Amino acid sequence: MSVLTKEERDEIYRQALAACRPKVRPAPQSAEAKAQERFAETNKPTKNIINDAAAHNDALARRVQAEAEGVRIRYQRELDRWWQSKLDAEAALDDGYDYSTGYRERRYRTTCHRGRGDPDYGL
């Protein structure tokens, strides 16, 4: 068993106190100092600064465009669905005849009649 001298005990005690003592934090930088450090022209080339700003703007523009595109697609899909249901309803009612003259006539009948627009009219 080794017995410690008073100086050795005091040294161990000082080391233990130093280890348990809270570390001193550096003073926080002011906003002005942070801005100077961040935007200093010596830190980044102008091209990189512009690219960083443009990347943020591009991402924002893509996000806004995607949201607007999604809304537009949703509205268009709804319009297409309504239009298709209208066409289906009209097709169910269409029997191929036209009644506007008071007579039942085929709507799309073919004739052999030739008019003034024909090249052999009047021959």
C-alpha atoms as a PDB file:
ATOM      1  CA  MET A   1       0.000   0.000   0.000  1.00  0.00           C
ATOM      2  CA  SER A   2       1.455   3.272  -1.052  1.00  0.00           C
ATOM      3  CA  VAL A   3       0.624   6.323   0.910  1.00  0.00           C
ATOM      4  CA  LEU A   4       0.302   9.571  -0.963  1.00  0.00           C
ATOM      5  CA  THR A   5       1.983  12.643   0.267  1.00  0.00           C
ATOM      6  CA  LYS A   6       0.044  15.824   0.904  1.00  0.00           C
ATOM      7  CA  GLU A   7       1.384  17.410  -2.311  1.00  0.00           C
ATOM      8  CA  GLU A   8       0.327  14.409  -4.399  1.00  0.00           C
ATOM      9  CA  ARG A   9      -3.150  14.432  -2.885  1.00  0.00           C
ATOM     10  CA  ASP A  10      -3.487  18.164  -3.507  1.00  0.00           C
ATOM     11  CA  GLU A  11      -2.389  17.700  -7.130  1.00  0.00           C
ATOM     12  CA  ILE A  12      -4.952  14.900  -7.716  1.00  0.00           C
ATOM     13  CA  TYR A  13      -7.639  17.043  -6.081  1.00  0.00           C
ATOM     14  CA  ARG A  14      -6.773  20.023  -8.327  1.00  0.00           C
ATOM     15  CA  GLN A  15      -6.922  17.825 -11.429  1.00  0.00           C
ATOM     16  CA  ALA A  16     -10.310  16.399 -10.400  1.00  0.00           C
ATOM     17  CA  LEU A  17     -11.682  19.893  -9.784  1.00  0.00           C
ATOM     18  CA  ALA A  18     -10.386  21.080 -13.137  1.00  0.00           C
ATOM     19  CA  ALA A  19     -12.020  18.119 -14.898  1.00  0.00           C
ATOM     20  CA  CYS A  20     -15.391  18.758 -13.208  1.00  0.00           C
ATOM     21  CA  ARG A  21     -15.388  22.510 -13.677  1.00  0.00           C
ATOM     22  CA  PRO A  22     -17.686  23.652 -16.542  1.00  0.00           C
ATOM     23  CA  LYS A  23     -15.906  24.675 -19.697  1.00  0.00           C
ATOM     24  CA  VAL A  24     -15.894  28.358 -20.520  1.00  0.00           C
ATOM     25  CA  ARG A  25     -17.863  28.970 -23.708  1.00  0.00           C
ATOM     26  CA  PRO A  26     -16.657  31.544 -26.137  1.00  0.00           C
ATOM     27  CA  ALA A  27     -18.852  34.616 -26.387  1.00  0.00           C
ATOM     28  CA  PRO A  28     -21.442  34.270 -29.166  1.00  0.00           C
ATOM     29  CA  GLN A  29     -20.758  36.245 -32.298  1.00  0.00           C
ATOM     30  CA  SER A  30     -22.966  39.160 -33.123  1.00  0.00           C
ATOM     31  CA  ALA A  31     -25.182  39.005 -36.177  1.00  0.00           C
ATOM     32  CA  GLU A  32     -23.006  41.577 -37.893  1.00  0.00           C
ATOM     33  CA  ALA A  33     -19.879  39.461 -37.317  1.00  0.00           C
ATOM     34  CA  LYS A  34     -21.642  36.330 -38.612  1.00  0.00           C
ATOM     35  CA  ALA A  35     -22.794  38.206 -41.709  1.00  0.00           C
ATOM     36  CA  GLN A  36     -19.289  39.536 -42.325  1.00  0.00           C
ATOM     37  CA  GLU A  37     -17.867  36.037 -42.027  1.00  0.00           C
ATOM     38  CA  ARG A  38     -20.544  34.407 -44.144  1.00  0.00           C
ATOM     39  CA  PHE A  39     -20.700  36.948 -46.926  1.00  0.00           C
ATOM     40  CA  ALA A  40     -17.080  37.954 -47.090  1.00  0.00           C
ATOM     41  CA  GLU A  41     -15.991  38.051 -50.701  1.00  0.00           C
ATOM     42  CA  THR A  42     -12.681  36.460 -49.802  1.00  0.00           C
ATOM     43  CA  ASN A  43     -14.416  33.296 -48.599  1.00  0.00           C
ATOM     44  CA  LYS A  44     -16.255  32.422 -51.823  1.00  0.00           C
ATOM     45  CA  PRO A  45     -15.944  33.427 -55.420  1.00  0.00           C
ATOM     46  CA  THR A  46     -18.781  35.547 -56.752  1.00  0.00           C
ATOM     47  CA  LYS A  47     -19.800  32.764 -59.095  1.00  0.00           C
ATOM     48  CA  ASN A  48     -20.379  30.385 -56.165  1.00  0.00           C
ATOM     49  CA  ILE A  49     -22.351  33.003 -54.234  1.00  0.00           C
ATOM     50  CA  ILE A  50     -24.606  33.596 -57.245  1.00  0.00           C
ATOM     51  CA  ASN A  51     -25.026  29.853 -57.818  1.00  0.00           C
ATOM     52  CA  ASP A  52     -26.011  29.311 -54.181  1.00  0.00           C
ATOM     53  CA  ALA A  53     -28.620  32.062 -54.337  1.00  0.00           C
ATOM     54  CA  ALA A  54     -29.897  30.790 -57.695  1.00  0.00           C
ATOM     55  CA  ALA A  55     -30.170  27.217 -56.401  1.00  0.00           C
ATOM     56  CA  HIS A  56     -32.504  28.372 -53.644  1.00  0.00           C
ATOM     57  CA  ASN A  57     -34.576  30.392 -56.114  1.00  0.00           C
ATOM     58  CA  ASP A  58     -34.716  27.477 -58.567  1.00  0.00           C
ATOM     59  CA  ALA A  59     -35.867  25.080 -55.859  1.00  0.00           C
ATOM     60  CA  LEU A  60     -38.555  27.501 -54.751  1.00  0.00           C
ATOM     61  CA  ALA A  61     -39.700  28.087 -58.333  1.00  0.00           C
ATOM     62  CA  ARG A  62     -39.858  24.333 -59.020  1.00  0.00           C
ATOM     63  CA  ARG A  63     -41.866  23.759 -55.843  1.00  0.00           C
ATOM     64  CA  VAL A  64     -44.358  26.533 -56.612  1.00  0.00           C
ATOM     65  CA  GLN A  65     -44.663  25.344 -60.218  1.00  0.00           C
ATOM     66  CA  ALA A  66     -45.230  21.745 -59.097  1.00  0.00           C
ATOM     67  CA  GLU A  67     -47.979  22.845 -56.706  1.00  0.00           C
ATOM     68  CA  ALA A  68     -49.649  24.965 -59.392  1.00  0.00           C
ATOM     69  CA  GLU A  69     -49.265  22.174 -61.941  1.00  0.00           C
ATOM     70  CA  GLY A  70     -50.867  19.707 -59.528  1.00  0.00           C
ATOM     71  CA  VAL A  71     -53.863  21.989 -59.050  1.00  0.00           C
ATOM     72  CA  ARG A  72     -54.182  22.546 -62.801  1.00  0.00           C
ATOM     73  CA  ILE A  73     -53.973  18.805 -63.491  1.00  0.00           C
ATOM     74  CA  ARG A  74     -56.638  18.102 -60.870  1.00  0.00           C
ATOM     75  CA  TYR A  75     -58.999  20.688 -62.408  1.00  0.00           C
ATOM     76  CA  GLN A  76     -58.341  19.398 -65.923  1.00  0.00           C
ATOM     77  CA  ARG A  77     -58.990  15.816 -64.820  1.00  0.00           C
ATOM     78  CA  GLU A  78     -62.333  16.885 -63.349  1.00  0.00           C
ATOM     79  CA  LEU A  79     -63.272  18.763 -66.522  1.00  0.00           C
ATOM     80  CA  ASP A  80     -62.330  15.749 -68.651  1.00  0.00           C
ATOM     81  CA  ARG A  81     -64.464  13.487 -66.488  1.00  0.00           C
ATOM     82  CA  TRP A  82     -67.490  15.830 -66.832  1.00  0.00           C
ATOM     83  CA  TRP A  83     -66.982  16.144 -70.580  1.00  0.00           C
ATOM     84  CA  GLN A  84     -66.747  12.369 -71.008  1.00  0.00           C
ATOM     85  CA  SER A  85     -69.946  11.835 -69.006  1.00  0.00           C
ATOM     86  CA  LYS A  86     -71.662  14.441 -71.261  1.00  0.00           C
ATOM     87  CA  LEU A  87     -70.460  12.590 -74.372  1.00  0.00           C
ATOM     88  CA  ASP A  88     -71.627   9.254 -72.920  1.00  0.00           C
ATOM     89  CA  ALA A  89     -75.083  10.693 -72.198  1.00  0.00           C
ATOM     90  CA  GLU A  90     -75.343  12.132 -75.722  1.00  0.00           C
ATOM     91  CA  ALA A  91     -74.220   8.834 -77.252  1.00  0.00           C
ATOM     92  CA  ALA A  92     -76.888   6.955 -75.311  1.00  0.00           C
ATOM     93  CA  LEU A  93     -79.590   9.302 -76.673  1.00  0.00           C
ATOM     94  CA  ASP A  94     -78.307   9.403 -80.271  1.00  0.00           C
ATOM     95  CA  ASP A  95     -80.152   6.981 -82.533  1.00  0.00           C
ATOM     96  CA  GLY A  96     -78.550   8.218 -85.772  1.00  0.00           C
ATOM     97  CA  TYR A  97     -81.582  10.179 -86.984  1.00  0.00           C
ATOM     98  CA  ASP A  98     -82.226  13.915 -87.238  1.00  0.00           C
ATOM     99  CA  TYR A  99     -85.669  15.210 -86.282  1.00  0.00           C
ATOM    100  CA  SER A 100     -85.029  18.965 -86.793  1.00  0.00           C
ATOM    101  CA  THR A 101     -87.029  19.105 -90.072  1.00  0.00           C
ATOM    102  CA  GLY A 102     -90.066  17.409 -88.603  1.00  0.00           C
ATOM    103  CA  TYR A 103     -89.229  14.187 -90.421  1.00  0.00           C
ATOM    104  CA  ARG A 104     -87.106  11.290 -89.375  1.00  0.00           C
ATOM    105  CA  GLU A 105     -83.980  11.564 -91.572  1.00  0.00           C
ATOM    106  CA  ARG A 106     -80.669   9.828 -91.300  1.00  0.00           C
ATOM    107  CA  ARG A 107     -78.152  12.187 -89.852  1.00  0.00           C
ATOM    108  CA  TYR A 108     -75.139  11.032 -91.825  1.00  0.00           C
ATOM    109  CA  ARG A 109     -76.521   9.744 -95.095  1.00  0.00           C
ATOM    110  CA  THR A 110     -74.411   9.465 -98.178  1.00  0.00           C
ATOM    111  CA  THR A 111     -75.663  10.858-101.465  1.00  0.00           C
ATOM    112  CA  CYS A 112     -74.527  10.872-105.040  1.00  0.00           C
ATOM    113  CA  HIS A 113     -75.446  14.531-105.423  1.00  0.00           C
ATOM    114  CA  ARG A 114     -72.733  16.754-106.844  1.00  0.00           C
ATOM    115  CA  GLY A 115     -72.642  20.493-106.226  1.00  0.00           C
ATOM    116  CA  ARG A 116     -70.972  23.583-107.654  1.00  0.00           C
ATOM    117  CA  GLY A 117     -67.734  22.732-105.851  1.00  0.00           C
ATOM    118  CA  ASP A 118     -67.279  19.519-107.811  1.00  0.00           C
ATOM    119  CA  PRO A 119     -64.878  19.626-110.784  1.00  0.00           C
ATOM    120  CA  ASP A 120     -67.338  17.882-113.135  1.00  0.00           C
ATOM    121  CA  TYR A 121     -70.404  19.990-112.213  1.00  0.00           C
ATOM    122  CA  GLY A 122     -72.486  20.905-115.246  1.00  0.00           C
ATOM    123  CA  LEU A 123     -70.948  18.396-117.673  1.00  0.00           C
END
